Structure formats: C-alpha cells, structure tokens
Amino acid sequence: MHYNYKYRLTPPEALEEELLYHVDTCRQLYNHVLHLLNEADNIPARYEVQGRLPDLKSWWNDLGDVHSKVLQMVVKRVYDNLSTLKAQKENGRTVGMLKWKPPREYRSLTYNQSGFELKNTSGRPTPWLSKIGEIPIRLHRDIPENAIIKQVAVKREPTGEWYATFGIDVDEDTPEKPQNPERVVGIDVGILKYAHDTDGYAIESPNFSEERERLERAQRDLTRKEHGSANWEKQRQIVAECHADLKRKRRDFLHKLSNYYACEYDLVAVEDLDAKGLIELPGNSRNRAGAAWGTFLRMLEYKCERKGTHFVAVDPKDTTKECASCGVKTEKPLWVREHSCPSCGFEADRDANAAWNILSRGLEDIGVGYSESTPVETALPTDTNSVSAKRVVETGSPTLKERTASAVSE
C-alpha cells in the first residue's frame, strides 16, 4: 500500500539558503516551460520538453546545480496543471490560462525515484538529497522497515517551516473485508452536529471561534501595514501561523473521528457529497467550508481500506425526507430538526433518520444482509458541552436496547 509520511525539517541557516536557491531555480524553470508552451503552435508532449533539459543546461548554468529528476518533476508539474484546467473546462467551468509563479507561490521541490537516500547518521535516520546534502529531521515516527521510499517532496510552508513528505510503498496485504459485516454504521454529516450515526452518537462540531477571531484580528492588522515593509512581513508571518494553527486543529479532529469509525466497524456508509458544489451554494458557505466534509470522507475512505472495512458512499438524494421505517417521503424545511412520519408514526431526530436511510442504502449497494431492523421510535439526542459522542437511547428495538444499555447512564 502507498502512504505519505510527513516530517518537520530543521535545516541550519546555510542549508536553508541552499534549499531556497534550489526552489527558486525550479520556479524559474516552471515559468520558462510555461512560456515555451504559450509560444508553441501545438503543445508538445511532456517527455519531449523533458528531453530539452540537457540542452538548457548548456546556457542556463543554474540548472546544473539542481538534480535532474527534480527538474523533470517541474515539467510534470506544468503539464499536471494543464490537465487540471482541461478537466475543469470539460466540466463546463470557465477557466483562464496558467500564470507565472512569483516567489511566494512556489515553495517546493520533488525528488522522484532517485537523488535521495535515508542515511543512518549517528544512529538516527537522516534524509540526504542530491546536490543539497543531509538535512536534520524530527523523526516523530519510524518509517516501516519493509517500506520502499518512492519519492521525497520538500516544502517550505508560509510560516517559514520546512517539511519533508516521504511517499512510501509498504509490502503488506490489505485485510480482507468481511463477507457478512456485523458492526455496521450509517453516518449523516452536518454543521450543528458534525456527524450523527445509527448507533445514536451525535458528535458536536468542533468550536474554532477563538482561532478564527485571532486570525481575523491578525488579518486586519496586516491590512494596516505598508505592503512589503519589515512590519508587514512580521505580521504576514503571524497570519500564516494563525492559518496553520486552525488547519492543524481541524485535521486533528477529522483524523481522530475517521480513525474511530474505520477501526470500530465492519461497514461504514456515508453520503456521496459534492463538497465543492455545496460550498458554492449561496448562504452559510463559510460554515460548509469549515466543516471540511470532503476531507473527512477522503480520510475515512483510505482508513477503511487500510483496516479492511467496507466503505460505501451512497446517493444523498432524499435521505432526510424519506422515513427510515416505511420509506414515505415527507417534506420539511431545514429549521425542522425532528422527523415525524404521518404514515407510520415513526419519530426521530432529523439527522438520525437520515443516518438510518444512509445505512440501508449502503447495505443494499454491497448486497449484504443485516439482522437488526430500524427502531420504531428514537429518542432525540441531548446536547453536551463535550466534543465527544453522546448516546441516544433507542427504545423501539430490543437488540438496539441491549447494545446501548451499557453506554447510557440514567
């Protein structure tokens, strides 16, 4: 299986200058290749452009200071960006042209297949990069012994911190997914409650209001500085650190939540959401973007694959309207948070009802059986001050009563 392991680098001042020189040389090559493609009548193949690199080195001396594989990956980067634009255009989006990269927007370089090595220096592994040398690293977790390092990407974050991402292949067999999953769960994601599942857990959305207020204050202070001045650069650093702090906390929450579902269940059913399309809808787009549903679903998918858990993404249409007990559709505005079926009398929290529909569709998609039926009546969840899950007592099904009895306190 393929994994990406990310580590913090701590290069000394002289080595950091060398890294910046290599990154800037790659940026200039990126702009040069983009210029060649803009001037060409027909866009040549990528490997044809890569074949011109040795000739470029004869008059562009700086290219000789950078490893050849790094230069080839710069050309690949240009063509990957062109492919992305082409795909967006085919999907009906209005796209422009690729722009030249200023120094602030180009901050990474990539070693692919060769030009790097993980040396054991003084009893500790240290990455060595061709034409740069050894770079001190904070190896907070070991790379598996049976792993093969395929690629190393070095990046300087806006905060000024350097990171190395190792693309590794681990020779291990993926656990087999159970033929008849016993522990199954359906998850409905939202904003007020980040996730509501069929076991009755209602996970509160993390509160990042303090981090956002700190970021907004820092951004206001930045607008008052003269652009490009020393004070402006100091304040830009503060803004970047606020962004990084918010990002780390959000991803920490998403990693822990997705890991819980991947480890605890044999089958996880979710909605196949168009997260980007939801963000573009008018109204409440900030909260939709902050929820990072797309990131959560991607994390959940690869972790389920790694753990041997079924991951099923179902059609989200009418999961809220349909009754989980009888299937009758009931229109209800967004502010109505309870589901009450006029046909069969089934009452539940709106999100709990949607979660049961998601689970039912997930089981149908993979064609497995499941013994427990949807409860006839579901109690509404109680809000808690904790981000952790809160059980909902399900009173209709004896089997579900037994499963939740130990977790519910009177």
Protein backbone atom coordinates (compact mmCIF):
# COMPACT_ATOMS: atom_id res chain seq x y z
CA MET A 1 0.00 0.00 0.00
CA HIS A 2 1.06 3.57 -0.60
CA TYR A 3 1.44 6.00 2.28
CA ASN A 4 2.70 9.54 2.78
CA TYR A 5 4.75 10.24 5.90
CA LYS A 6 5.30 13.90 6.73
CA TYR A 7 8.13 15.15 8.95
CA ARG A 8 9.43 18.51 10.15
CA LEU A 9 12.87 19.55 8.86
CA THR A 10 15.21 21.78 10.86
CA PRO A 11 17.88 22.95 8.36
CA PRO A 12 20.57 25.35 9.61
CA GLU A 13 20.78 28.81 8.04
CA ALA A 14 23.33 27.89 5.35
CA LEU A 15 21.36 24.79 4.33
CA GLU A 16 18.11 26.75 4.27
CA GLU A 17 19.65 29.24 1.83
CA GLU A 18 20.69 26.33 -0.38
CA LEU A 19 17.14 24.94 -0.30
CA LEU A 20 15.70 28.34 -1.19
CA TYR A 21 18.12 28.59 -4.12
CA HIS A 22 17.00 25.20 -5.46
CA VAL A 23 13.32 26.08 -5.03
CA ASP A 24 13.75 29.41 -6.82
CA THR A 25 15.61 27.75 -9.69
CA CYS A 26 12.71 25.32 -10.08
CA ARG A 27 10.29 28.25 -10.07
CA GLN A 28 12.19 29.95 -12.89
CA LEU A 29 12.20 26.71 -14.88
CA TYR A 30 8.44 26.39 -14.34
CA ASN A 31 7.91 29.88 -15.76
CA HIS A 32 10.27 29.13 -18.66
CA VAL A 33 8.42 25.93 -19.62
CA LEU A 34 5.11 27.76 -19.37
CA HIS A 35 6.46 30.45 -21.70
CA LEU A 36 7.55 27.82 -24.24
CA LEU A 37 4.11 26.21 -24.21
CA ASN A 38 2.36 29.58 -24.62
CA GLU A 39 4.55 30.42 -27.63
CA ALA A 40 4.17 27.00 -29.30
CA ASP A 41 1.54 26.47 -32.00
CA ASN A 42 0.97 22.91 -30.81
CA ILE A 43 1.69 21.83 -27.26
CA PRO A 44 4.50 19.23 -27.38
CA ALA A 45 4.46 16.04 -25.32
CA ARG A 46 5.84 16.24 -21.81
CA TYR A 47 8.70 13.86 -22.48
CA GLU A 48 9.72 15.95 -25.46
CA VAL A 49 10.08 19.01 -23.24
CA GLN A 50 11.95 16.98 -20.63
CA GLY A 51 14.35 15.88 -23.39
CA ARG A 52 15.32 19.51 -23.93
CA LEU A 53 16.57 19.95 -20.37
CA PRO A 54 20.19 18.84 -21.12
CA ASP A 55 20.41 21.49 -23.86
CA LEU A 56 19.06 24.13 -21.48
CA LYS A 57 21.83 23.34 -19.01
CA SER A 58 24.46 24.33 -21.61
CA TRP A 59 23.46 28.01 -21.39
CA TRP A 60 21.49 28.08 -18.13
CA ASN A 61 24.18 27.30 -15.57
CA ASP A 62 21.84 27.32 -12.56
CA LEU A 63 20.06 24.22 -13.82
CA GLY A 64 23.25 22.23 -13.37
CA ASP A 65 23.08 22.86 -9.63
CA VAL A 66 19.74 21.05 -9.34
CA HIS A 67 19.25 17.30 -9.61
CA SER A 68 17.91 16.16 -12.99
CA LYS A 69 14.89 14.32 -11.53
CA VAL A 70 13.83 17.48 -9.70
CA LEU A 71 13.90 19.38 -12.99
CA GLN A 72 11.82 16.69 -14.70
CA MET A 73 9.22 16.90 -11.94
CA VAL A 74 8.96 20.66 -12.56
CA VAL A 75 7.98 19.95 -16.18
CA LYS A 76 5.50 17.34 -14.98
CA ARG A 77 4.01 19.92 -12.63
CA VAL A 78 3.28 22.27 -15.53
CA TYR A 79 1.56 19.52 -17.52
CA ASP A 80 -0.43 18.36 -14.48
CA ASN A 81 -1.75 21.89 -14.04
CA LEU A 82 -2.71 22.00 -17.72
CA SER A 83 -4.56 18.69 -17.35
CA THR A 84 -6.46 20.09 -14.37
CA LEU A 85 -7.55 23.13 -16.38
CA LYS A 86 -8.63 20.90 -19.25
CA ALA A 87 -10.73 18.72 -16.95
CA GLN A 88 -12.43 21.77 -15.44
CA LYS A 89 -13.18 23.14 -18.89
CA GLU A 90 -14.73 19.83 -19.95
CA ASN A 91 -16.95 20.00 -16.86
CA GLY A 92 -18.36 23.31 -18.06
CA ARG A 93 -16.29 25.66 -15.91
CA THR A 94 -14.85 28.90 -17.22
CA VAL A 95 -11.08 28.65 -16.98
CA GLY A 96 -8.27 31.02 -17.86
CA MET A 97 -4.59 30.40 -18.52
CA LEU A 98 -1.81 29.30 -16.23
CA LYS A 99 0.05 32.23 -14.70
CA TRP A 100 3.72 32.65 -13.94
CA LYS A 101 4.69 31.74 -10.40
CA PRO A 102 6.01 34.55 -8.19
CA PRO A 103 8.47 33.55 -5.44
CA ARG A 104 5.78 33.50 -2.75
CA GLU A 105 3.65 30.94 -4.64
CA TYR A 106 6.33 28.37 -5.46
CA ARG A 107 7.74 26.75 -2.35
CA SER A 108 8.51 23.08 -3.02
CA LEU A 109 10.70 20.65 -4.92
CA THR A 110 10.29 16.92 -5.52
CA TYR A 111 12.77 14.06 -5.82
CA ASN A 112 11.27 11.12 -7.66
CA GLN A 113 12.81 7.62 -7.96
CA SER A 114 16.39 8.77 -7.38
CA GLY A 115 18.52 11.54 -5.90
CA PHE A 116 17.59 10.87 -2.27
CA GLU A 117 18.51 8.48 0.50
CA LEU A 118 17.65 7.95 4.14
CA LYS A 119 21.04 7.60 5.80
CA ASN A 120 21.64 6.26 9.29
CA THR A 121 23.79 9.01 10.76
CA SER A 122 24.80 8.68 14.41
CA GLY A 123 22.17 6.01 14.94
CA ARG A 124 19.32 8.19 13.63
CA PRO A 125 17.92 8.23 10.07
CA THR A 126 18.67 11.47 8.23
CA PRO A 127 17.46 12.33 4.71
CA TRP A 128 20.15 13.05 2.14
CA LEU A 129 19.24 14.94 -1.03
CA SER A 130 21.48 15.07 -4.08
CA LYS A 131 23.30 18.42 -4.52
CA ILE A 132 21.94 19.62 -1.18
CA GLY A 133 23.25 17.22 1.44
CA GLU A 134 21.92 15.88 4.74
CA ILE A 135 19.07 17.77 6.38
CA PRO A 136 18.26 17.44 10.10
CA ILE A 137 14.81 15.97 10.65
CA ARG A 138 12.39 15.40 13.52
CA LEU A 139 11.51 11.75 13.00
CA HIS A 140 8.49 11.62 15.32
CA ARG A 141 7.52 8.17 13.98
CA ASP A 142 9.57 5.44 12.38
CA ILE A 143 9.25 4.59 8.73
CA PRO A 144 8.32 0.87 8.40
CA GLU A 145 11.31 -1.38 7.81
CA ASN A 146 9.69 -3.09 4.83
CA ALA A 147 8.83 0.25 3.18
CA ILE A 148 10.33 1.41 -0.12
CA ILE A 149 10.71 5.19 -0.46
CA LYS A 150 9.50 6.19 -3.91
CA GLN A 151 9.50 9.97 -3.62
CA VAL A 152 10.53 12.82 -1.35
CA ALA A 153 8.87 16.24 -1.51
CA VAL A 154 10.41 19.15 0.39
CA LYS A 155 8.22 22.18 1.04
CA ARG A 156 8.53 25.49 2.84
CA GLU A 157 5.26 26.49 4.48
CA PRO A 158 4.13 30.14 4.64
CA THR A 159 5.12 30.09 8.32
CA GLY A 160 8.74 29.52 7.27
CA GLU A 161 8.81 25.91 8.48
CA TRP A 162 10.25 23.20 6.25
CA TYR A 163 8.64 19.78 5.85
CA ALA A 164 9.57 16.59 4.01
CA THR A 165 6.88 14.20 2.76
CA PHE A 166 8.04 10.65 2.02
CA GLY A 167 5.96 8.69 -0.48
CA ILE A 168 6.45 5.06 0.51
CA ASP A 169 5.20 1.67 -0.64
CA VAL A 170 4.71 -0.90 2.10
CA ASP A 171 4.73 -4.56 1.16
CA GLU A 172 1.71 -5.68 3.17
CA ASP A 173 -1.55 -7.37 2.35
CA THR A 174 -4.75 -5.40 2.77
CA PRO A 175 -7.04 -7.05 5.33
CA GLU A 176 -9.94 -8.89 3.74
CA LYS A 177 -13.29 -7.22 4.14
CA PRO A 178 -15.87 -9.37 5.99
CA GLN A 179 -18.46 -11.11 3.83
CA ASN A 180 -21.22 -10.56 6.40
CA PRO A 181 -20.36 -7.43 8.38
CA GLU A 182 -21.82 -7.43 11.86
CA ARG A 183 -20.83 -3.99 13.12
CA VAL A 184 -22.33 -1.55 10.62
CA VAL A 185 -22.97 2.18 10.84
CA GLY A 186 -24.50 4.92 8.73
CA ILE A 187 -23.22 8.49 9.15
CA ASP A 188 -25.01 11.73 8.33
CA VAL A 189 -22.74 14.79 8.40
CA GLY A 190 -23.89 18.30 9.12
CA ILE A 191 -22.96 21.64 10.66
CA LEU A 192 -24.79 21.83 14.01
CA LYS A 193 -23.89 18.20 14.67
CA TYR A 194 -20.82 17.26 12.69
CA ALA A 195 -21.80 13.59 12.49
CA HIS A 196 -24.90 11.67 13.55
CA ASP A 197 -24.73 7.89 13.23
CA THR A 198 -27.10 4.97 13.52
CA ASP A 199 -25.69 3.94 16.91
CA GLY A 200 -27.12 7.14 18.33
CA TYR A 201 -23.90 9.12 18.58
CA ALA A 202 -24.26 12.84 17.88
CA ILE A 203 -20.78 14.32 17.54
CA GLU A 204 -20.61 18.05 18.15
CA SER A 205 -18.83 20.21 15.59
CA PRO A 206 -15.51 21.47 16.97
CA ASN A 207 -15.59 25.07 18.18
CA PHE A 208 -12.84 27.07 16.47
CA SER A 209 -14.34 30.50 17.17
CA GLU A 210 -11.33 31.67 19.18
CA GLU A 211 -8.90 30.61 16.47
CA ARG A 212 -10.99 32.38 13.81
CA GLU A 213 -11.20 35.57 15.84
CA ARG A 214 -7.43 35.52 16.33
CA LEU A 215 -6.97 35.05 12.58
CA GLU A 216 -9.35 37.89 11.73
CA ARG A 217 -7.58 40.27 14.10
CA ALA A 218 -4.23 39.34 12.59
CA GLN A 219 -5.56 39.90 9.07
CA ARG A 220 -6.95 43.32 9.99
CA ASP A 221 -3.58 44.30 11.43
CA LEU A 222 -1.90 43.12 8.22
CA THR A 223 -4.02 45.42 6.05
CA ARG A 224 -2.80 48.41 8.06
CA LYS A 225 0.87 47.69 7.29
CA GLU A 226 2.71 49.00 4.27
CA HIS A 227 2.93 46.15 1.80
CA GLY A 228 6.46 44.76 1.59
CA SER A 229 7.78 46.55 4.68
CA ALA A 230 9.52 44.78 7.58
CA ASN A 231 6.45 45.21 9.81
CA TRP A 232 4.24 43.86 7.05
CA GLU A 233 6.43 40.76 6.76
CA LYS A 234 6.30 40.17 10.52
CA GLN A 235 2.51 40.46 10.52
CA ARG A 236 2.25 38.20 7.46
CA GLN A 237 4.14 35.59 9.47
CA ILE A 238 1.61 35.91 12.30
CA VAL A 239 -1.30 35.48 9.87
CA ALA A 240 0.35 32.37 8.40
CA GLU A 241 0.80 30.90 11.89
CA CYS A 242 -2.88 31.51 12.69
CA HIS A 243 -3.88 29.72 9.48
CA ALA A 244 -1.58 26.80 10.30
CA ASP A 245 -2.91 26.52 13.86
CA LEU A 246 -6.52 26.38 12.65
CA LYS A 247 -5.65 23.84 9.96
CA ARG A 248 -3.79 21.55 12.38
CA LYS A 249 -6.64 21.52 14.90
CA ARG A 250 -9.27 20.81 12.25
CA ARG A 251 -7.27 17.97 10.69
CA ASP A 252 -6.56 16.50 14.13
CA PHE A 253 -10.32 16.30 14.79
CA LEU A 254 -11.01 14.76 11.37
CA HIS A 255 -8.20 12.19 11.72
CA LYS A 256 -9.42 11.02 15.12
CA LEU A 257 -13.07 10.82 14.07
CA SER A 258 -12.38 8.97 10.80
CA ASN A 259 -9.98 6.59 12.54
CA TYR A 260 -12.63 5.74 15.15
CA TYR A 261 -15.22 4.72 12.55
CA ALA A 262 -12.68 2.80 10.44
CA CYS A 263 -11.47 0.78 13.43
CA GLU A 264 -14.75 0.14 15.26
CA TYR A 265 -16.97 -1.02 12.39
CA ASP A 266 -17.03 -3.61 9.62
CA LEU A 267 -19.06 -1.37 7.29
CA VAL A 268 -19.31 2.42 7.15
CA ALA A 269 -21.97 4.04 4.94
CA VAL A 270 -21.83 7.77 4.15
CA GLU A 271 -23.35 10.19 1.67
CA ASP A 272 -21.54 10.74 -1.62
CA LEU A 273 -21.45 14.51 -1.17
CA ASP A 274 -20.29 17.06 -3.72
CA ALA A 275 -18.49 19.09 -1.05
CA LYS A 276 -17.15 21.67 -3.50
CA GLY A 277 -20.57 22.21 -5.03
CA LEU A 278 -22.15 22.68 -1.59
CA ILE A 279 -19.61 25.37 -0.73
CA GLU A 280 -20.50 27.29 -3.88
CA LEU A 281 -24.18 27.45 -2.92
CA PRO A 282 -25.35 30.84 -1.60
CA GLY A 283 -25.68 31.22 2.15
CA ASN A 284 -23.68 29.67 5.01
CA SER A 285 -20.78 28.81 2.70
CA ARG A 286 -18.25 29.68 5.40
CA ASN A 287 -19.55 27.02 7.77
CA ARG A 288 -19.73 24.49 4.93
CA ALA A 289 -16.13 25.18 4.01
CA GLY A 290 -15.04 24.99 7.65
CA ALA A 291 -16.75 21.63 8.09
CA ALA A 292 -14.33 20.10 5.52
CA TRP A 293 -16.70 17.26 4.63
CA GLY A 294 -14.69 16.33 1.55
CA THR A 295 -11.51 15.95 3.61
CA PHE A 296 -13.33 13.85 6.20
CA LEU A 297 -14.76 11.48 3.58
CA ARG A 298 -11.36 11.05 1.89
CA MET A 299 -9.71 10.29 5.23
CA LEU A 300 -12.45 7.84 6.11
CA GLU A 301 -12.19 6.07 2.75
CA TYR A 302 -8.45 5.39 2.83
CA LYS A 303 -8.51 4.40 6.50
CA CYS A 304 -11.34 1.94 5.87
CA GLU A 305 -9.31 0.48 3.00
CA ARG A 306 -6.31 0.11 5.29
CA LYS A 307 -8.32 -1.53 8.08
CA GLY A 308 -10.33 -3.86 5.84
CA THR A 309 -13.62 -2.05 6.47
CA HIS A 310 -16.34 -1.68 3.86
CA PHE A 311 -16.67 1.96 2.79
CA VAL A 312 -19.89 2.75 0.91
CA ALA A 313 -20.79 6.18 -0.47
CA VAL A 314 -24.50 6.33 -1.32
CA ASP A 315 -26.69 8.77 -3.22
CA PRO A 316 -27.63 11.55 -0.75
CA LYS A 317 -30.91 12.42 -2.50
CA ASP A 318 -33.93 12.43 -0.15
CA THR A 319 -32.10 10.77 2.76
CA THR A 320 -33.64 13.39 5.04
CA LYS A 321 -37.13 13.28 3.51
CA GLU A 322 -37.63 9.51 3.46
CA CYS A 323 -38.90 7.77 6.55
CA ALA A 324 -36.38 5.18 7.75
CA SER A 325 -39.21 2.94 8.91
CA CYS A 326 -41.68 2.90 6.00
CA GLY A 327 -39.99 4.89 3.19
CA VAL A 328 -42.68 7.56 2.81
CA LYS A 329 -41.26 10.97 1.82
CA THR A 330 -42.13 13.95 3.99
CA GLU A 331 -41.18 17.49 3.01
CA LYS A 332 -39.70 19.53 5.85
CA PRO A 333 -37.80 22.84 5.94
CA LEU A 334 -34.25 22.98 7.20
CA TRP A 335 -35.19 24.51 10.55
CA VAL A 336 -37.34 21.49 11.45
CA ARG A 337 -34.93 19.22 13.32
CA GLU A 338 -37.35 16.37 14.10
CA HIS A 339 -38.71 13.69 11.79
CA SER A 340 -42.32 12.66 12.34
CA CYS A 341 -43.80 10.31 9.74
CA PRO A 342 -47.53 10.93 9.08
CA SER A 343 -47.84 7.41 7.65
CA CYS A 344 -46.37 5.07 10.26
CA GLY A 345 -45.82 7.40 13.23
CA PHE A 346 -42.03 6.90 13.34
CA GLU A 347 -40.42 9.79 15.24
CA ALA A 348 -36.71 10.53 15.39
CA ASP A 349 -34.16 13.26 15.18
CA ARG A 350 -33.91 14.51 11.60
CA ASP A 351 -30.24 13.54 11.28
CA ALA A 352 -30.78 10.15 12.95
CA ASN A 353 -33.47 9.32 10.40
CA ALA A 354 -31.10 10.31 7.57
CA ALA A 355 -28.34 8.14 9.04
CA TRP A 356 -30.63 5.07 9.02
CA ASN A 357 -31.52 5.71 5.37
CA ILE A 358 -27.83 6.03 4.51
CA LEU A 359 -27.07 2.72 6.22
CA SER A 360 -29.96 0.98 4.46
CA ARG A 361 -28.75 2.18 1.06
CA GLY A 362 -25.18 1.19 1.89
CA LEU A 363 -26.21 -2.36 2.75
CA GLU A 364 -28.18 -2.60 -0.49
CA ASP A 365 -25.24 -1.32 -2.55
CA ILE A 366 -22.85 -4.04 -1.41
CA GLY A 367 -25.55 -6.72 -1.26
CA VAL A 368 -25.14 -7.97 2.30
CA GLY A 369 -27.70 -8.90 4.86
CA TYR A 370 -28.17 -7.36 8.28
CA SER A 371 -30.34 -8.78 11.05
CA GLU A 372 -31.25 -5.66 13.00
CA SER A 373 -34.15 -3.57 11.78
CA THR A 374 -34.71 0.15 12.09
CA PRO A 375 -36.15 1.06 15.52
CA VAL A 376 -39.78 2.14 15.62
CA GLU A 377 -39.10 5.13 17.87
CA THR A 378 -35.90 7.04 18.56
CA ALA A 379 -35.32 9.50 21.36
CA LEU A 380 -33.90 12.89 20.46
CA PRO A 381 -30.22 13.47 21.33
CA THR A 382 -29.20 15.66 24.26
CA ASP A 383 -26.59 18.35 23.65
CA THR A 384 -23.39 18.14 25.64
CA ASN A 385 -20.52 20.51 26.26
CA SER A 386 -18.05 17.84 25.18
CA VAL A 387 -16.95 17.25 21.61
CA SER A 388 -17.15 13.51 22.25
CA ALA A 389 -20.19 11.48 21.26
CA LYS A 390 -23.49 11.40 23.16
CA ARG A 391 -25.62 8.26 23.09
CA VAL A 392 -29.22 8.37 22.00
CA VAL A 393 -31.42 5.81 23.73
CA GLU A 394 -33.25 3.82 21.07
CA THR A 395 -36.43 2.43 22.58
CA GLY A 396 -38.06 0.50 19.76
CA SER A 397 -35.75 -2.42 19.02
CA PRO A 398 -34.76 -4.88 21.80
CA THR A 399 -31.45 -5.65 20.09
CA LEU A 400 -30.52 -2.00 19.95
CA LYS A 401 -31.51 -1.59 23.59
CA GLU A 402 -29.02 -4.27 24.57
CA ARG A 403 -26.24 -2.67 22.51
CA THR A 404 -26.69 0.77 24.06
CA ALA A 405 -27.64 -0.13 27.62
CA SER A 406 -24.06 -0.23 28.86
CA ALA A 407 -23.25 3.16 27.36
CA VAL A 408 -26.27 5.09 28.62
CA SER A 409 -26.36 6.48 32.12
CA GLU A 410 -29.63 7.17 33.88
